[in-house]
Amino acid sequence: MKADHYANPNKLPGYDPLEKWACVAQELAAKLKAANGRVKELREDLDHANERIKRLEETLIGAWEIISNVSGGDWTRQKPHWQDYVFQWRDNYFNPIMKELSELKAKEDKP
């Protein structure tokens, strides 16, 4: 029966709905593959960023250990402007960063 497209308005001559959905499925599979590739790239970028943060954290702690032990830890033996600068650096940079890092680690440790 050639004229079955008249009985079913969704059925047109030469139109195969399975072929249409197969094409849609192929397109979705290609997009999923691309998305998975991008997720992999982002995870690698995140891993590299976390490694860099860890190295910077270690450097910051090392710098503070050096600064805090100047003059055997007796900063009164340093000039007042040096003391002011160190207190300012500690209060404005070191302490806030260490606080933020410890809060992040606490969040990561929670189940």
N, C-alpha and C. Protein backbone atom coordinates (compact mmCIF):
# COMPACT_ATOMS: atom_id res chain seq x y z
N MET A 1 0.85 -1.17 0.00
CA MET A 1 0.00 0.00 0.00
C MET A 1 0.89 1.24 0.00
N LYS A 2 0.90 1.93 -1.11
CA LYS A 2 1.78 3.07 -1.29
C LYS A 2 1.32 4.33 -0.58
N ALA A 3 0.09 4.50 -0.38
CA ALA A 3 -0.43 5.76 0.13
C ALA A 3 -0.64 5.74 1.64
N ASP A 4 0.17 4.98 2.38
CA ASP A 4 -0.04 4.91 3.82
C ASP A 4 0.33 6.22 4.52
N HIS A 5 1.05 7.12 3.86
CA HIS A 5 1.36 8.40 4.49
C HIS A 5 0.12 9.27 4.62
N TYR A 6 -0.93 8.96 3.88
CA TYR A 6 -2.18 9.70 4.04
C TYR A 6 -2.90 9.30 5.33
N ALA A 7 -2.77 8.05 5.68
CA ALA A 7 -3.42 7.58 6.90
C ALA A 7 -2.65 8.06 8.13
N ASN A 8 -1.34 8.21 8.04
CA ASN A 8 -0.51 8.64 9.14
C ASN A 8 0.22 9.92 8.71
N PRO A 9 -0.22 11.10 9.19
CA PRO A 9 0.39 12.35 8.72
C PRO A 9 1.87 12.47 9.10
N ASN A 10 2.33 11.72 10.10
CA ASN A 10 3.75 11.77 10.49
C ASN A 10 4.62 10.93 9.58
N LYS A 11 3.99 10.11 8.77
CA LYS A 11 4.74 9.21 7.88
C LYS A 11 4.74 9.81 6.49
N LEU A 12 5.90 10.22 6.03
CA LEU A 12 6.04 10.78 4.70
C LEU A 12 6.81 9.80 3.83
N PRO A 13 6.62 9.87 2.54
CA PRO A 13 7.36 8.96 1.67
C PRO A 13 8.86 9.17 1.84
N GLY A 14 9.60 8.11 2.03
CA GLY A 14 11.05 8.19 2.19
C GLY A 14 11.50 8.60 3.58
N TYR A 15 10.58 8.79 4.49
CA TYR A 15 10.91 9.21 5.85
C TYR A 15 10.96 7.99 6.76
N ASP A 16 12.09 7.83 7.43
CA ASP A 16 12.23 6.69 8.34
C ASP A 16 12.56 7.24 9.73
N PRO A 17 11.60 7.14 10.68
CA PRO A 17 11.85 7.71 12.01
C PRO A 17 13.02 7.04 12.72
N LEU A 18 13.26 5.78 12.46
CA LEU A 18 14.41 5.11 13.10
C LEU A 18 15.72 5.71 12.62
N GLU A 19 15.76 6.05 11.34
CA GLU A 19 16.97 6.68 10.79
C GLU A 19 17.19 8.04 11.44
N LYS A 20 16.09 8.79 11.63
CA LYS A 20 16.20 10.10 12.27
C LYS A 20 16.76 9.95 13.68
N TRP A 21 16.23 9.02 14.46
CA TRP A 21 16.67 8.85 15.84
C TRP A 21 18.08 8.29 15.90
N ALA A 22 18.46 7.51 14.92
CA ALA A 22 19.84 7.01 14.87
C ALA A 22 20.81 8.18 14.67
N CYS A 23 20.41 9.13 13.82
CA CYS A 23 21.25 10.33 13.60
C CYS A 23 21.33 11.17 14.87
N VAL A 24 20.19 11.33 15.53
CA VAL A 24 20.16 12.08 16.78
C VAL A 24 21.06 11.41 17.81
N ALA A 25 20.97 10.09 17.90
CA ALA A 25 21.79 9.35 18.86
C ALA A 25 23.28 9.52 18.54
N GLN A 26 23.64 9.51 17.26
CA GLN A 26 25.05 9.70 16.88
C GLN A 26 25.53 11.10 17.26
N GLU A 27 24.67 12.10 17.02
CA GLU A 27 25.04 13.47 17.39
C GLU A 27 25.23 13.59 18.90
N LEU A 28 24.32 12.99 19.66
CA LEU A 28 24.43 13.04 21.12
C LEU A 28 25.69 12.31 21.60
N ALA A 29 25.98 11.18 20.99
CA ALA A 29 27.19 10.43 21.36
C ALA A 29 28.44 11.26 21.09
N ALA A 30 28.46 11.96 19.96
CA ALA A 30 29.62 12.81 19.63
C ALA A 30 29.75 13.95 20.63
N LYS A 31 28.61 14.56 21.00
CA LYS A 31 28.65 15.65 21.98
C LYS A 31 29.08 15.13 23.35
N LEU A 32 28.62 13.95 23.72
CA LEU A 32 29.02 13.37 25.00
C LEU A 32 30.51 13.07 25.02
N LYS A 33 31.03 12.56 23.92
CA LYS A 33 32.46 12.28 23.83
C LYS A 33 33.27 13.57 23.98
N ALA A 34 32.81 14.62 23.31
CA ALA A 34 33.51 15.91 23.40
C ALA A 34 33.42 16.46 24.83
N ALA A 35 32.26 16.33 25.44
CA ALA A 35 32.10 16.82 26.82
C ALA A 35 32.99 16.03 27.78
N ASN A 36 33.06 14.74 27.60
CA ASN A 36 33.92 13.92 28.46
C ASN A 36 35.39 14.30 28.28
N GLY A 37 35.78 14.61 27.04
CA GLY A 37 37.14 15.07 26.79
C GLY A 37 37.42 16.38 27.50
N ARG A 38 36.45 17.28 27.48
CA ARG A 38 36.62 18.57 28.16
C ARG A 38 36.68 18.39 29.67
N VAL A 39 35.86 17.49 30.21
CA VAL A 39 35.90 17.20 31.65
C VAL A 39 37.29 16.68 32.03
N LYS A 40 37.84 15.81 31.20
CA LYS A 40 39.18 15.26 31.48
C LYS A 40 40.22 16.39 31.50
N GLU A 41 40.13 17.30 30.52
CA GLU A 41 41.05 18.43 30.48
C GLU A 41 40.92 19.30 31.73
N LEU A 42 39.68 19.57 32.13
CA LEU A 42 39.45 20.40 33.31
C LEU A 42 39.97 19.73 34.57
N ARG A 43 39.80 18.41 34.67
CA ARG A 43 40.33 17.69 35.84
C ARG A 43 41.85 17.78 35.88
N GLU A 44 42.49 17.65 34.72
CA GLU A 44 43.95 17.77 34.66
C GLU A 44 44.38 19.18 35.05
N ASP A 45 43.66 20.19 34.55
CA ASP A 45 43.97 21.57 34.91
C ASP A 45 43.82 21.79 36.41
N LEU A 46 42.76 21.22 36.97
CA LEU A 46 42.53 21.34 38.41
C LEU A 46 43.64 20.66 39.21
N ASP A 47 44.07 19.49 38.76
CA ASP A 47 45.16 18.80 39.44
C ASP A 47 46.43 19.64 39.42
N HIS A 48 46.73 20.24 38.26
CA HIS A 48 47.93 21.10 38.16
C HIS A 48 47.79 22.33 39.06
N ALA A 49 46.61 22.92 39.09
CA ALA A 49 46.38 24.09 39.93
C ALA A 49 46.54 23.72 41.41
N ASN A 50 46.01 22.58 41.80
CA ASN A 50 46.14 22.15 43.20
C ASN A 50 47.59 21.88 43.57
N GLU A 51 48.35 21.32 42.64
CA GLU A 51 49.78 21.10 42.90
C GLU A 51 50.50 22.44 43.08
N ARG A 52 50.15 23.40 42.25
CA ARG A 52 50.78 24.72 42.35
C ARG A 52 50.39 25.40 43.67
N ILE A 53 49.13 25.29 44.06
CA ILE A 53 48.69 25.86 45.34
C ILE A 53 49.47 25.24 46.48
N LYS A 54 49.67 23.93 46.43
CA LYS A 54 50.42 23.25 47.49
C LYS A 54 51.85 23.76 47.56
N ARG A 55 52.50 23.93 46.39
CA ARG A 55 53.87 24.45 46.38
C ARG A 55 53.91 25.89 46.91
N LEU A 56 52.94 26.70 46.52
CA LEU A 56 52.90 28.08 47.01
C LEU A 56 52.65 28.13 48.52
N GLU A 57 51.79 27.24 49.00
CA GLU A 57 51.54 27.17 50.44
C GLU A 57 52.82 26.81 51.19
N GLU A 58 53.55 25.83 50.67
CA GLU A 58 54.82 25.43 51.30
C GLU A 58 55.82 26.57 51.26
N THR A 59 55.86 27.31 50.16
CA THR A 59 56.77 28.46 50.04
C THR A 59 56.39 29.55 51.03
N LEU A 60 55.11 29.81 51.16
CA LEU A 60 54.63 30.82 52.10
C LEU A 60 55.00 30.45 53.54
N ILE A 61 54.79 29.19 53.88
CA ILE A 61 55.14 28.74 55.24
C ILE A 61 56.65 28.85 55.46
N GLY A 62 57.42 28.46 54.45
CA GLY A 62 58.88 28.57 54.55
C GLY A 62 59.33 30.01 54.72
N ALA A 63 58.70 30.92 53.97
CA ALA A 63 59.04 32.34 54.10
C ALA A 63 58.73 32.84 55.51
N TRP A 64 57.58 32.43 56.03
CA TRP A 64 57.22 32.87 57.38
C TRP A 64 58.20 32.31 58.41
N GLU A 65 58.63 31.07 58.24
CA GLU A 65 59.59 30.49 59.18
C GLU A 65 60.90 31.28 59.18
N ILE A 66 61.33 31.69 58.00
CA ILE A 66 62.55 32.49 57.91
C ILE A 66 62.35 33.85 58.58
N ILE A 67 61.26 34.51 58.23
CA ILE A 67 61.00 35.85 58.78
C ILE A 67 60.84 35.78 60.30
N SER A 68 60.10 34.79 60.76
CA SER A 68 59.82 34.74 62.21
C SER A 68 61.07 34.44 63.03
N ASN A 69 62.10 33.89 62.40
CA ASN A 69 63.32 33.55 63.13
C ASN A 69 64.45 34.56 62.93
N VAL A 70 64.15 35.67 62.29
CA VAL A 70 65.16 36.72 62.16
C VAL A 70 65.55 37.19 63.56
N SER A 71 66.81 37.40 63.75
CA SER A 71 67.36 37.82 65.05
C SER A 71 66.99 36.82 66.14
N GLY A 72 66.97 35.56 65.78
CA GLY A 72 66.66 34.52 66.76
C GLY A 72 65.23 34.61 67.27
N GLY A 73 64.36 35.24 66.48
CA GLY A 73 62.96 35.40 66.88
C GLY A 73 62.72 36.64 67.72
N ASP A 74 63.79 37.39 68.03
CA ASP A 74 63.65 38.61 68.83
C ASP A 74 63.61 39.80 67.89
N TRP A 75 62.42 40.16 67.46
CA TRP A 75 62.26 41.22 66.48
C TRP A 75 62.56 42.60 67.06
N THR A 76 62.64 42.71 68.34
CA THR A 76 62.96 44.02 68.93
C THR A 76 64.37 44.45 68.54
N ARG A 77 65.19 43.50 68.09
CA ARG A 77 66.55 43.83 67.65
C ARG A 77 66.55 44.38 66.22
N GLN A 78 65.39 44.38 65.57
CA GLN A 78 65.27 44.93 64.22
C GLN A 78 64.76 46.36 64.28
N LYS A 79 64.96 47.08 63.19
CA LYS A 79 64.50 48.47 63.12
C LYS A 79 62.97 48.51 63.15
N PRO A 80 62.42 49.56 63.69
CA PRO A 80 60.96 49.67 63.80
C PRO A 80 60.22 49.54 62.47
N HIS A 81 60.78 50.14 61.40
CA HIS A 81 60.07 50.04 60.12
C HIS A 81 60.05 48.59 59.62
N TRP A 82 61.11 47.82 59.92
CA TRP A 82 61.12 46.39 59.56
C TRP A 82 60.04 45.66 60.34
N GLN A 83 59.97 45.92 61.65
CA GLN A 83 58.96 45.28 62.48
C GLN A 83 57.55 45.61 61.98
N ASP A 84 57.32 46.89 61.66
CA ASP A 84 56.00 47.30 61.16
C ASP A 84 55.64 46.55 59.88
N TYR A 85 56.62 46.46 58.99
CA TYR A 85 56.37 45.78 57.72
C TYR A 85 56.05 44.30 57.95
N VAL A 86 56.80 43.65 58.82
CA VAL A 86 56.57 42.22 59.08
C VAL A 86 55.20 42.00 59.73
N PHE A 87 54.86 42.83 60.68
CA PHE A 87 53.54 42.69 61.32
C PHE A 87 52.43 42.90 60.28
N GLN A 88 52.62 43.88 59.43
CA GLN A 88 51.63 44.16 58.39
C GLN A 88 51.54 42.98 57.41
N TRP A 89 52.66 42.44 56.99
CA TRP A 89 52.67 41.31 56.07
C TRP A 89 51.99 40.10 56.71
N ARG A 90 52.35 39.84 57.97
CA ARG A 90 51.75 38.70 58.68
C ARG A 90 50.24 38.86 58.79
N ASP A 91 49.79 40.03 59.21
CA ASP A 91 48.36 40.24 59.47
C ASP A 91 47.54 40.36 58.19
N ASN A 92 48.13 40.94 57.15
CA ASN A 92 47.36 41.17 55.92
C ASN A 92 47.47 40.04 54.90
N TYR A 93 48.54 39.27 54.93
CA TYR A 93 48.75 38.23 53.93
C TYR A 93 48.84 36.83 54.52
N PHE A 94 49.79 36.62 55.38
CA PHE A 94 50.04 35.27 55.88
C PHE A 94 48.85 34.70 56.66
N ASN A 95 48.40 35.40 57.69
CA ASN A 95 47.31 34.87 58.52
C ASN A 95 46.02 34.62 57.74
N PRO A 96 45.56 35.58 56.91
CA PRO A 96 44.32 35.31 56.16
C PRO A 96 44.45 34.13 55.20
N ILE A 97 45.60 34.01 54.56
CA ILE A 97 45.79 32.90 53.62
C ILE A 97 45.81 31.58 54.38
N MET A 98 46.52 31.54 55.49
CA MET A 98 46.58 30.30 56.27
C MET A 98 45.21 29.94 56.83
N LYS A 99 44.44 30.95 57.23
CA LYS A 99 43.09 30.69 57.73
C LYS A 99 42.22 30.10 56.62
N GLU A 100 42.29 30.68 55.44
CA GLU A 100 41.51 30.19 54.31
C GLU A 100 41.91 28.76 53.95
N LEU A 101 43.21 28.50 53.92
CA LEU A 101 43.68 27.15 53.60
C LEU A 101 43.21 26.14 54.63
N SER A 102 43.25 26.50 55.91
CA SER A 102 42.82 25.56 56.94
C SER A 102 41.31 25.32 56.85
N GLU A 103 40.53 26.35 56.49
CA GLU A 103 39.09 26.16 56.31
C GLU A 103 38.80 25.25 55.12
N LEU A 104 39.56 25.43 54.04
CA LEU A 104 39.37 24.56 52.87
C LEU A 104 39.71 23.12 53.19
N LYS A 105 40.81 22.92 53.93
CA LYS A 105 41.19 21.56 54.31
C LYS A 105 40.14 20.93 55.21
N ALA A 106 39.56 21.73 56.11
CA ALA A 106 38.52 21.21 57.01
C ALA A 106 37.30 20.78 56.21
N LYS A 107 36.95 21.56 55.18
CA LYS A 107 35.81 21.18 54.33
C LYS A 107 36.10 19.89 53.57
N GLU A 108 37.34 19.75 53.09
CA GLU A 108 37.72 18.55 52.33
C GLU A 108 37.72 17.32 53.22
N ASP A 109 38.06 17.49 54.50
CA ASP A 109 38.13 16.36 55.43
C ASP A 109 36.76 15.87 55.89
N LYS A 110 35.73 16.74 55.76
CA LYS A 110 34.39 16.33 56.17
C LYS A 110 33.84 15.31 55.18
N PRO A 111 33.13 14.30 55.71
CA PRO A 111 32.55 13.29 54.79
C PRO A 111 31.41 13.83 53.96
